[in-house]
Amino acid sequence: MWSNGWTNNIYIELHQPAIIIAGCFAAVASLLSVYLICQHLWSYTNPAEQKWIVSVLFMVPVYATESIISLSTPKLSLACDILRNCYEAFALYSFGSYLVACLGGERSVISLLDNESRENVNKVLLEDDDKKLNTHQSSLRKFVMRPGILGRDLLSIEKFGLVQYMILKTLCAFLALVLELFGVYGDGEFKWYYGYPYITVILNFSQMWALYCLVQFYHVTYERLQHISPLAKFISFKAIVFATWWQGVGIALLCAVGVLPKEGKFQTGLQDFLICIEMAIAAVAHIFVFSARPYQYVTADEHGRITTETTQTVVEVEESGGNSPVVIEKSDTKIEAPGTSIKESVQDIVVEGGQHVVKDVVLTISQAMEPVEKGMTKIHETIQHISVGADKKEETKLEIEEHMEDDQLTRKESFKSKRSSSLE
């Protein structure tokens, strides 16, 4: 449908204007995000929450910068795509950690989920007999049907779902680079001899599982998260992760069926152009959704600058002689948090956040290896059982053969003795 000459002409004509437009959107997105990040770093009063907020916000300038570089220099598109994918997985993990931090940390979440589990079990036991909880159901079925029943196991499943996506996304990104070096990756090509469709399917299931784990965790804890307006944060973040991924897959499918040109530069360029525009929209949304204002004031037992805001309201009061205006004053006293240095804030984010990530990655790998180790142990026991059984059969066979030989010797001796006695 699209000839190579026609596609090249379209790409050449649109490339320069697209770079200018996308560059403007990318600049706006980066400036707004950096400004919001600096606000959080200056008012770094709640490190447990804000280090994950900064990680999520940093997703916008990363996406915008890599997309404009990829759009202007197509040779670097694969490298930019790898870095973008790796940070996307980390941002999803950071958002999940942010929700846990808003609930008071892992210990508080475990206590909350255990209480929620007991309440859900009691509710189910009070229902009709045909609706009572089957305690022998698998954890997977409970997670899908009634996640609140799982208790602290829900947190483990949620963390495993997010970390597995972070690990798989990183591994597949570098695998794509290796396949590209050997010329068998085929970016956007849905052909069996290319690696792109297989990696796409794997990442699709991995991402869907990670997002589903996050949704189930949010479903159980959303009432306790109302103070942070979780729905707006969840939608704004999920839209970036979910939309950009399916947007890339959709463009690849449209190119594969001939609706759009199959030229690789056109496909990646269109994706990069759209991402630059979307990041500007996301940056504006983040200013309202992830505002630093709640962290600019601390409780009264903290040190800070005390400020008082006075508001006056005029109210008409009815009297016998008519209406007379009355002025009502309302004073709000706030303690402004002292500013923190950006260096200390960044150091806490990198060190503490890095340790947290390494800890969860190691835990997830050990959880993933546990069933493998159990399977290997079971296989080893089965082989050992078979070998022991074979040895026993061999011993039994030898015993039978020895018994038969002894029996034959006994018969021969008895026959000889009878014959000798008859000759006498």
Protein backbone atom coordinates (compact mmCIF):
# COMPACT_ATOMS: atom_id res chain seq x y z
CA MET A 1 0.00 0.00 0.00
CA TRP A 2 2.87 2.36 0.87
CA SER A 3 5.81 2.49 -1.55
CA ASN A 4 9.30 3.08 -0.16
CA GLY A 5 9.78 6.28 -2.18
CA TRP A 6 6.46 7.74 -1.03
CA THR A 7 7.24 6.81 2.60
CA ASN A 8 10.68 8.39 2.46
CA ASN A 9 9.25 11.61 1.02
CA ILE A 10 6.64 11.81 3.80
CA TYR A 11 9.28 11.15 6.44
CA ILE A 12 11.63 13.80 5.07
CA GLU A 13 8.87 16.41 4.83
CA LEU A 14 7.49 15.77 8.32
CA HIS A 15 10.71 15.04 10.20
CA GLN A 16 11.95 18.58 10.80
CA PRO A 17 8.57 20.11 11.76
CA ALA A 18 7.94 17.12 14.03
CA ILE A 19 11.27 17.69 15.81
CA ILE A 20 10.43 21.36 16.43
CA ILE A 21 6.91 20.66 17.74
CA ALA A 22 7.97 17.66 19.82
CA GLY A 23 10.96 19.60 21.16
CA CYS A 24 8.68 22.37 22.44
CA PHE A 25 6.42 19.89 24.21
CA ALA A 26 9.42 17.99 25.61
CA ALA A 27 10.95 21.23 26.93
CA VAL A 28 7.68 22.22 28.64
CA ALA A 29 7.32 18.74 30.13
CA SER A 30 10.89 18.66 31.42
CA LEU A 31 10.80 22.18 32.90
CA LEU A 32 7.50 21.62 34.71
CA SER A 33 8.62 18.26 36.07
CA VAL A 34 12.03 19.51 37.19
CA TYR A 35 10.36 22.45 38.94
CA LEU A 36 7.96 20.12 40.77
CA ILE A 37 10.80 17.74 41.67
CA CYS A 38 12.83 20.64 43.09
CA GLN A 39 9.84 21.67 45.19
CA HIS A 40 9.74 18.21 46.74
CA LEU A 41 13.50 18.23 47.30
CA TRP A 42 13.36 21.64 49.00
CA SER A 43 10.46 20.51 51.22
CA TYR A 44 11.79 17.03 51.90
CA THR A 45 9.88 16.52 55.17
CA ASN A 46 8.56 13.01 54.57
CA PRO A 47 11.36 10.94 52.99
CA ALA A 48 9.39 7.67 53.18
CA GLU A 49 6.83 9.04 50.70
CA GLN A 50 8.68 11.73 48.79
CA LYS A 51 11.58 9.61 47.56
CA TRP A 52 9.08 7.50 45.64
CA ILE A 53 7.16 10.57 44.44
CA VAL A 54 10.36 12.02 43.00
CA SER A 55 11.07 8.69 41.28
CA VAL A 56 7.62 8.71 39.69
CA LEU A 57 7.87 12.38 38.65
CA PHE A 58 11.29 11.81 37.08
CA MET A 59 9.59 9.51 34.60
CA VAL A 60 8.29 12.49 32.60
CA PRO A 61 11.67 14.16 31.83
CA VAL A 62 13.22 10.74 31.16
CA TYR A 63 10.51 9.87 28.64
CA ALA A 64 10.53 13.34 27.06
CA THR A 65 14.33 13.56 26.75
CA GLU A 66 14.79 10.07 25.33
CA SER A 67 11.91 10.51 22.90
CA ILE A 68 13.22 13.77 21.45
CA ILE A 69 16.74 12.29 21.15
CA SER A 70 15.32 9.23 19.41
CA LEU A 71 13.20 11.39 17.11
CA SER A 72 16.09 13.63 16.09
CA THR A 73 18.65 10.79 15.84
CA PRO A 74 16.95 7.57 14.65
CA LYS A 75 20.18 5.58 15.05
CA LEU A 76 19.85 5.96 18.83
CA SER A 77 16.18 4.95 18.93
CA LEU A 78 16.82 1.42 20.20
CA ALA A 79 19.18 2.57 22.96
CA CYS A 80 16.69 5.25 24.03
CA ASP A 81 13.87 2.73 23.97
CA ILE A 82 15.85 0.38 26.24
CA LEU A 83 16.51 3.12 28.81
CA ARG A 84 12.89 4.25 28.63
CA ASN A 85 11.60 0.73 29.20
CA CYS A 86 13.94 0.13 32.14
CA TYR A 87 12.83 3.32 33.87
CA GLU A 88 9.18 2.58 33.17
CA ALA A 89 9.47 -0.65 35.14
CA PHE A 90 11.25 1.14 38.00
CA ALA A 91 8.59 3.88 38.06
CA LEU A 92 5.83 1.27 38.37
CA TYR A 93 7.68 -0.27 41.31
CA SER A 94 8.15 3.20 42.83
CA PHE A 95 4.42 3.93 42.63
CA GLY A 96 3.62 0.70 44.46
CA SER A 97 6.20 1.57 47.13
CA TYR A 98 4.66 5.04 47.43
CA LEU A 99 1.26 3.54 48.23
CA VAL A 100 2.84 1.34 50.90
CA ALA A 101 4.63 4.37 52.38
CA CYS A 102 1.36 6.34 52.49
CA LEU A 103 -0.15 3.53 54.56
CA GLY A 104 2.60 3.86 57.16
CA GLY A 105 5.18 1.40 55.87
CA GLU A 106 5.27 -2.36 55.47
CA ARG A 107 4.58 -3.18 59.12
CA SER A 108 1.48 -1.01 59.18
CA VAL A 109 0.33 -2.50 55.86
CA ILE A 110 0.77 -6.03 57.20
CA SER A 111 -1.30 -5.18 60.28
CA LEU A 112 -3.93 -3.48 58.11
CA LEU A 113 -4.18 -6.40 55.71
CA ASP A 114 -4.40 -8.95 58.54
CA ASN A 115 -7.28 -7.01 60.10
CA GLU A 116 -8.95 -6.72 56.70
CA SER A 117 -8.53 -10.47 56.22
CA ARG A 118 -10.23 -11.28 59.53
CA GLU A 119 -13.12 -8.95 58.73
CA ASN A 120 -13.61 -10.48 55.29
CA VAL A 121 -13.48 -14.03 56.63
CA ASN A 122 -16.10 -13.19 59.26
CA LYS A 123 -18.35 -11.63 56.62
CA VAL A 124 -18.08 -14.70 54.40
CA LEU A 125 -18.79 -17.08 57.28
CA LEU A 126 -22.00 -15.19 58.03
CA GLU A 127 -23.29 -15.69 54.50
CA ASP A 128 -25.38 -18.60 53.24
CA ASP A 129 -23.84 -22.05 53.16
CA ASP A 130 -23.52 -22.04 49.37
CA LYS A 131 -21.48 -18.85 49.56
CA LYS A 132 -19.20 -19.78 52.45
CA LEU A 133 -15.45 -19.52 52.03
CA ASN A 134 -13.63 -22.62 50.99
CA THR A 135 -10.44 -22.58 53.07
CA HIS A 136 -8.80 -25.01 50.70
CA GLN A 137 -8.91 -22.62 47.74
CA SER A 138 -5.59 -21.77 46.19
CA SER A 139 -3.96 -18.42 46.92
CA LEU A 140 -4.26 -17.48 43.25
CA ARG A 141 -8.03 -17.98 43.24
CA LYS A 142 -8.38 -16.00 46.44
CA PHE A 143 -6.24 -13.24 44.96
CA VAL A 144 -8.52 -13.00 41.94
CA MET A 145 -11.89 -13.44 43.66
CA ARG A 146 -11.38 -12.11 47.20
CA PRO A 147 -7.99 -10.40 47.60
CA GLY A 148 -8.92 -9.02 51.02
CA ILE A 149 -8.92 -12.53 52.49
CA LEU A 150 -5.22 -13.08 51.80
CA GLY A 151 -4.01 -10.77 54.56
CA ARG A 152 -0.27 -10.11 54.55
CA ASP A 153 0.17 -12.47 51.59
CA LEU A 154 -1.46 -9.78 49.44
CA LEU A 155 1.51 -7.48 50.06
CA SER A 156 3.94 -10.24 49.06
CA ILE A 157 2.00 -10.91 45.85
CA GLU A 158 1.84 -7.18 45.03
CA LYS A 159 5.58 -6.71 45.55
CA PHE A 160 6.37 -9.86 43.56
CA GLY A 161 4.18 -8.68 40.69
CA LEU A 162 5.89 -5.28 40.50
CA VAL A 163 9.45 -6.54 40.91
CA GLN A 164 9.06 -9.37 38.38
CA TYR A 165 8.03 -6.79 35.78
CA MET A 166 11.01 -4.61 36.66
CA ILE A 167 13.38 -7.57 36.27
CA LEU A 168 11.80 -8.93 33.08
CA LYS A 169 11.56 -5.49 31.50
CA THR A 170 15.27 -4.89 32.09
CA LEU A 171 16.33 -8.33 30.87
CA CYS A 172 14.16 -8.12 27.75
CA ALA A 173 15.49 -4.65 27.00
CA PHE A 174 19.08 -5.87 26.94
CA LEU A 175 18.03 -9.04 25.11
CA ALA A 176 16.51 -6.81 22.41
CA LEU A 177 19.84 -4.99 22.13
CA VAL A 178 21.72 -8.28 21.67
CA LEU A 179 19.22 -9.52 19.09
CA GLU A 180 19.48 -6.21 17.23
CA LEU A 181 23.26 -6.57 17.06
CA PHE A 182 22.77 -9.95 15.36
CA GLY A 183 20.03 -8.57 13.10
CA VAL A 184 17.24 -10.83 14.40
CA TYR A 185 15.26 -8.44 16.63
CA GLY A 186 13.02 -6.91 13.93
CA ASP A 187 11.54 -3.95 15.80
CA GLY A 188 7.82 -3.77 14.95
CA GLU A 189 7.94 -6.89 12.75
CA PHE A 190 5.44 -9.60 13.71
CA LYS A 191 7.31 -12.47 12.05
CA TRP A 192 8.21 -15.77 13.66
CA TYR A 193 11.93 -15.55 12.87
CA TYR A 194 12.30 -12.21 14.69
CA GLY A 195 12.56 -11.74 18.45
CA TYR A 196 10.22 -8.73 18.65
CA PRO A 197 6.87 -10.60 18.78
CA TYR A 198 8.07 -13.04 21.47
CA ILE A 199 9.48 -10.28 23.66
CA THR A 200 6.29 -8.26 23.16
CA VAL A 201 4.09 -11.16 24.30
CA ILE A 202 6.26 -11.82 27.38
CA LEU A 203 6.31 -8.16 28.41
CA ASN A 204 2.60 -7.83 27.72
CA PHE A 205 1.69 -10.60 30.18
CA SER A 206 4.27 -9.36 32.69
CA GLN A 207 2.97 -5.80 32.59
CA MET A 208 -0.67 -6.87 32.77
CA TRP A 209 0.09 -9.01 35.82
CA ALA A 210 2.01 -6.17 37.51
CA LEU A 211 -0.81 -3.69 36.89
CA TYR A 212 -3.40 -6.22 38.05
CA CYS A 213 -1.48 -6.77 41.30
CA LEU A 214 -1.39 -3.02 41.82
CA VAL A 215 -5.13 -2.72 41.13
CA GLN A 216 -5.98 -5.51 43.60
CA PHE A 217 -3.81 -3.94 46.28
CA TYR A 218 -5.43 -0.55 45.65
CA HIS A 219 -8.89 -2.14 45.76
CA VAL A 220 -8.28 -3.47 49.28
CA THR A 221 -6.55 -0.37 50.71
CA TYR A 222 -8.23 2.54 48.88
CA GLU A 223 -10.34 3.56 51.91
CA ARG A 224 -7.16 4.10 53.96
CA LEU A 225 -5.60 6.08 51.10
CA GLN A 226 -8.33 8.68 50.76
CA HIS A 227 -6.14 11.37 52.34
CA ILE A 228 -3.86 11.35 49.27
CA SER A 229 -6.65 11.31 46.63
CA PRO A 230 -5.42 7.95 45.30
CA LEU A 231 -7.71 7.67 42.28
CA ALA A 232 -6.28 10.75 40.55
CA LYS A 233 -2.72 9.62 41.22
CA PHE A 234 -3.47 6.08 40.09
CA ILE A 235 -5.12 7.19 36.85
CA SER A 236 -2.43 9.75 35.98
CA PHE A 237 0.37 7.25 36.49
CA LYS A 238 -1.36 4.25 34.96
CA ALA A 239 -2.24 6.28 31.87
CA ILE A 240 1.46 6.89 31.18
CA VAL A 241 2.57 3.28 31.66
CA PHE A 242 -0.42 1.61 30.05
CA ALA A 243 -1.07 4.06 27.21
CA THR A 244 2.51 4.42 25.98
CA TRP A 245 3.03 0.66 25.90
CA TRP A 246 -0.17 -0.16 24.04
CA GLN A 247 0.36 2.88 21.86
CA GLY A 248 3.64 1.39 20.64
CA VAL A 249 2.07 -2.03 20.08
CA GLY A 250 -0.88 -0.43 18.25
CA ILE A 251 1.39 1.56 15.92
CA ALA A 252 3.38 -1.60 15.18
CA LEU A 253 0.17 -3.50 14.34
CA LEU A 254 -1.09 -0.70 12.08
CA CYS A 255 2.23 -0.71 10.26
CA ALA A 256 2.15 -4.50 9.99
CA VAL A 257 -1.29 -4.53 8.32
CA GLY A 258 -0.39 -1.66 5.99
CA VAL A 259 -2.51 1.11 7.48
CA LEU A 260 0.66 3.08 8.26
CA PRO A 261 3.98 2.94 6.42
CA LYS A 262 6.18 0.01 7.42
CA GLU A 263 9.33 2.10 7.35
CA GLY A 264 11.04 1.59 10.72
CA LYS A 265 12.04 5.24 11.10
CA PHE A 266 8.44 6.37 10.54
CA GLN A 267 7.11 3.92 13.13
CA THR A 268 9.55 4.83 15.90
CA GLY A 269 9.35 8.51 14.99
CA LEU A 270 5.56 8.56 15.35
CA GLN A 271 5.82 6.87 18.75
CA ASP A 272 8.46 9.35 19.96
CA PHE A 273 6.47 12.33 18.67
CA LEU A 274 3.30 11.26 20.49
CA ILE A 275 5.18 10.55 23.71
CA CYS A 276 6.64 14.08 23.75
CA ILE A 277 3.13 15.55 23.53
CA GLU A 278 1.75 13.15 26.14
CA MET A 279 4.56 13.94 28.60
CA ALA A 280 3.69 17.64 28.50
CA ILE A 281 0.09 16.77 29.41
CA ALA A 282 1.31 14.42 32.15
CA ALA A 283 3.61 17.11 33.58
CA VAL A 284 0.71 19.54 33.93
CA ALA A 285 -1.41 16.84 35.60
CA HIS A 286 1.39 15.96 38.03
CA ILE A 287 1.56 19.56 39.31
CA PHE A 288 -1.95 19.13 40.71
CA VAL A 289 -1.86 15.41 41.50
CA PHE A 290 1.59 15.15 43.13
CA SER A 291 1.77 18.64 44.59
CA ALA A 292 4.52 19.41 47.11
CA ARG A 293 2.26 21.70 49.13
CA PRO A 294 1.18 19.02 51.70
CA TYR A 295 4.86 18.51 52.58
CA GLN A 296 5.63 22.22 53.07
CA TYR A 297 4.00 22.24 56.51
CA VAL A 298 4.80 20.02 59.49
CA THR A 299 3.21 19.27 62.84
CA ALA A 300 3.62 21.63 65.81
CA ASP A 301 6.34 19.56 67.47
CA GLU A 302 8.65 20.12 64.48
CA HIS A 303 10.83 23.18 64.00
CA GLY A 304 9.69 25.66 61.41
CA ARG A 305 8.44 29.14 60.74
CA ILE A 306 4.99 29.83 62.16
CA THR A 307 2.60 31.59 59.82
CA THR A 308 -0.94 32.71 60.47
CA GLU A 309 -3.56 33.17 57.78
CA THR A 310 -6.62 35.26 58.65
CA THR A 311 -9.74 35.27 56.51
CA GLN A 312 -12.73 37.55 56.96
CA THR A 313 -16.29 36.72 55.99
CA VAL A 314 -19.21 39.16 56.04
CA VAL A 315 -22.53 37.63 57.13
CA GLU A 316 -25.91 39.40 57.07
CA VAL A 317 -27.78 38.96 60.38
CA GLU A 318 -31.49 39.65 60.56
CA GLU A 319 -32.62 41.92 63.41
CA SER A 320 -35.84 43.60 64.31
CA GLY A 321 -34.70 46.83 62.74
CA GLY A 322 -33.39 45.14 59.56
CA ASN A 323 -30.26 43.35 58.40
CA SER A 324 -26.90 44.28 59.85
CA PRO A 325 -23.55 43.00 58.55
CA VAL A 326 -21.34 40.98 60.90
CA VAL A 327 -17.66 40.30 60.17
CA ILE A 328 -16.40 36.82 61.11
CA GLU A 329 -12.67 36.27 61.26
CA LYS A 330 -11.03 32.86 60.98
CA SER A 331 -7.33 32.35 61.70
CA ASP A 332 -5.36 29.29 60.59
CA THR A 333 -1.95 28.77 62.13
CA LYS A 334 0.56 26.72 60.12
CA ILE A 335 4.13 25.80 60.85
CA GLU A 336 6.18 26.02 57.71
CA ALA A 337 8.79 23.31 57.36
CA PRO A 338 12.40 24.43 57.12
CA GLY A 339 13.95 23.98 53.69
CA THR A 340 16.27 21.06 53.06
CA SER A 341 19.28 20.99 50.78
CA ILE A 342 18.81 19.29 47.46
CA LYS A 343 22.08 17.39 47.99
CA GLU A 344 20.82 15.73 51.18
CA SER A 345 17.46 14.94 49.60
CA VAL A 346 19.02 13.36 46.50
CA GLN A 347 21.44 11.40 48.67
CA ASP A 348 18.56 9.94 50.68
CA ILE A 349 16.65 9.05 47.52
CA VAL A 350 19.62 7.31 45.92
CA VAL A 351 20.95 5.50 49.01
CA GLU A 352 17.77 4.59 50.87
CA GLY A 353 15.76 3.98 47.72
CA GLY A 354 18.55 1.89 46.19
CA GLN A 355 18.79 -0.30 49.29
CA HIS A 356 15.04 -0.79 49.26
CA VAL A 357 15.07 -1.84 45.60
CA VAL A 358 17.97 -4.26 46.06
CA LYS A 359 16.25 -5.81 49.06
CA ASP A 360 13.00 -6.39 47.17
CA VAL A 361 14.79 -7.72 44.07
CA VAL A 362 16.74 -10.25 46.15
CA LEU A 363 13.54 -11.27 47.97
CA THR A 364 11.64 -11.68 44.69
CA ILE A 365 14.41 -13.78 43.13
CA SER A 366 14.48 -16.02 46.20
CA GLN A 367 10.68 -16.40 46.05
CA ALA A 368 10.88 -17.26 42.35
CA MET A 369 13.67 -19.78 42.96
CA GLU A 370 11.86 -21.46 45.85
CA PRO A 371 9.40 -23.49 43.71
CA VAL A 372 12.25 -24.31 41.31
CA GLU A 373 14.33 -25.65 44.19
CA LYS A 374 11.35 -27.64 45.47
CA GLY A 375 10.82 -29.05 41.98
CA MET A 376 14.48 -30.00 41.64
CA THR A 377 14.39 -31.61 45.09
CA LYS A 378 11.28 -33.57 44.14
CA ILE A 379 12.88 -34.69 40.86
CA HIS A 380 16.01 -35.75 42.74
CA GLU A 381 13.93 -37.69 45.27
CA THR A 382 11.99 -39.36 42.46
CA ILE A 383 15.19 -40.38 40.67
CA GLN A 384 16.65 -41.63 43.92
CA HIS A 385 13.47 -43.57 44.66
CA ILE A 386 13.57 -45.13 41.19
CA SER A 387 17.24 -46.04 41.55
CA VAL A 388 16.65 -47.50 45.01
CA GLY A 389 13.69 -49.45 43.66
CA ALA A 390 15.81 -50.72 40.78
CA ASP A 391 18.54 -51.80 43.22
CA LYS A 392 15.99 -53.60 45.34
CA LYS A 393 14.61 -55.36 42.28
CA GLU A 394 18.14 -56.33 41.29
CA GLU A 395 18.85 -57.66 44.78
CA THR A 396 15.57 -59.57 44.77
CA LYS A 397 16.43 -61.04 41.37
CA LEU A 398 19.86 -62.12 42.58
CA GLU A 399 18.33 -63.67 45.70
CA ILE A 400 15.85 -65.60 43.56
CA GLU A 401 18.63 -66.79 41.28
CA GLU A 402 20.76 -67.88 44.25
CA HIS A 403 17.78 -69.63 45.76
CA MET A 404 17.12 -71.47 42.49
CA GLU A 405 20.78 -72.51 42.23
CA ASP A 406 20.73 -73.79 45.83
CA ASP A 407 17.52 -75.64 45.14
CA GLN A 408 19.02 -77.25 42.03
CA LEU A 409 22.14 -78.30 43.95
CA THR A 410 19.98 -79.77 46.70
CA ARG A 411 17.99 -81.76 44.16
CA LYS A 412 21.15 -83.05 42.47
CA GLU A 413 22.63 -84.17 45.79
CA SER A 414 19.36 -85.84 46.78
CA PHE A 415 19.19 -87.61 43.40
CA LYS A 416 22.81 -88.83 43.75
CA SER A 417 22.23 -90.12 47.27
CA LYS A 418 19.10 -91.99 46.20
CA ARG A 419 20.93 -93.50 43.21
CA SER A 420 23.90 -94.61 45.32
CA SER A 421 21.62 -96.22 47.88
CA SER A 422 19.73 -98.10 45.15
CA LEU A 423 23.00 -99.46 43.68
CA GLU A 424 24.02 -100.80 47.07
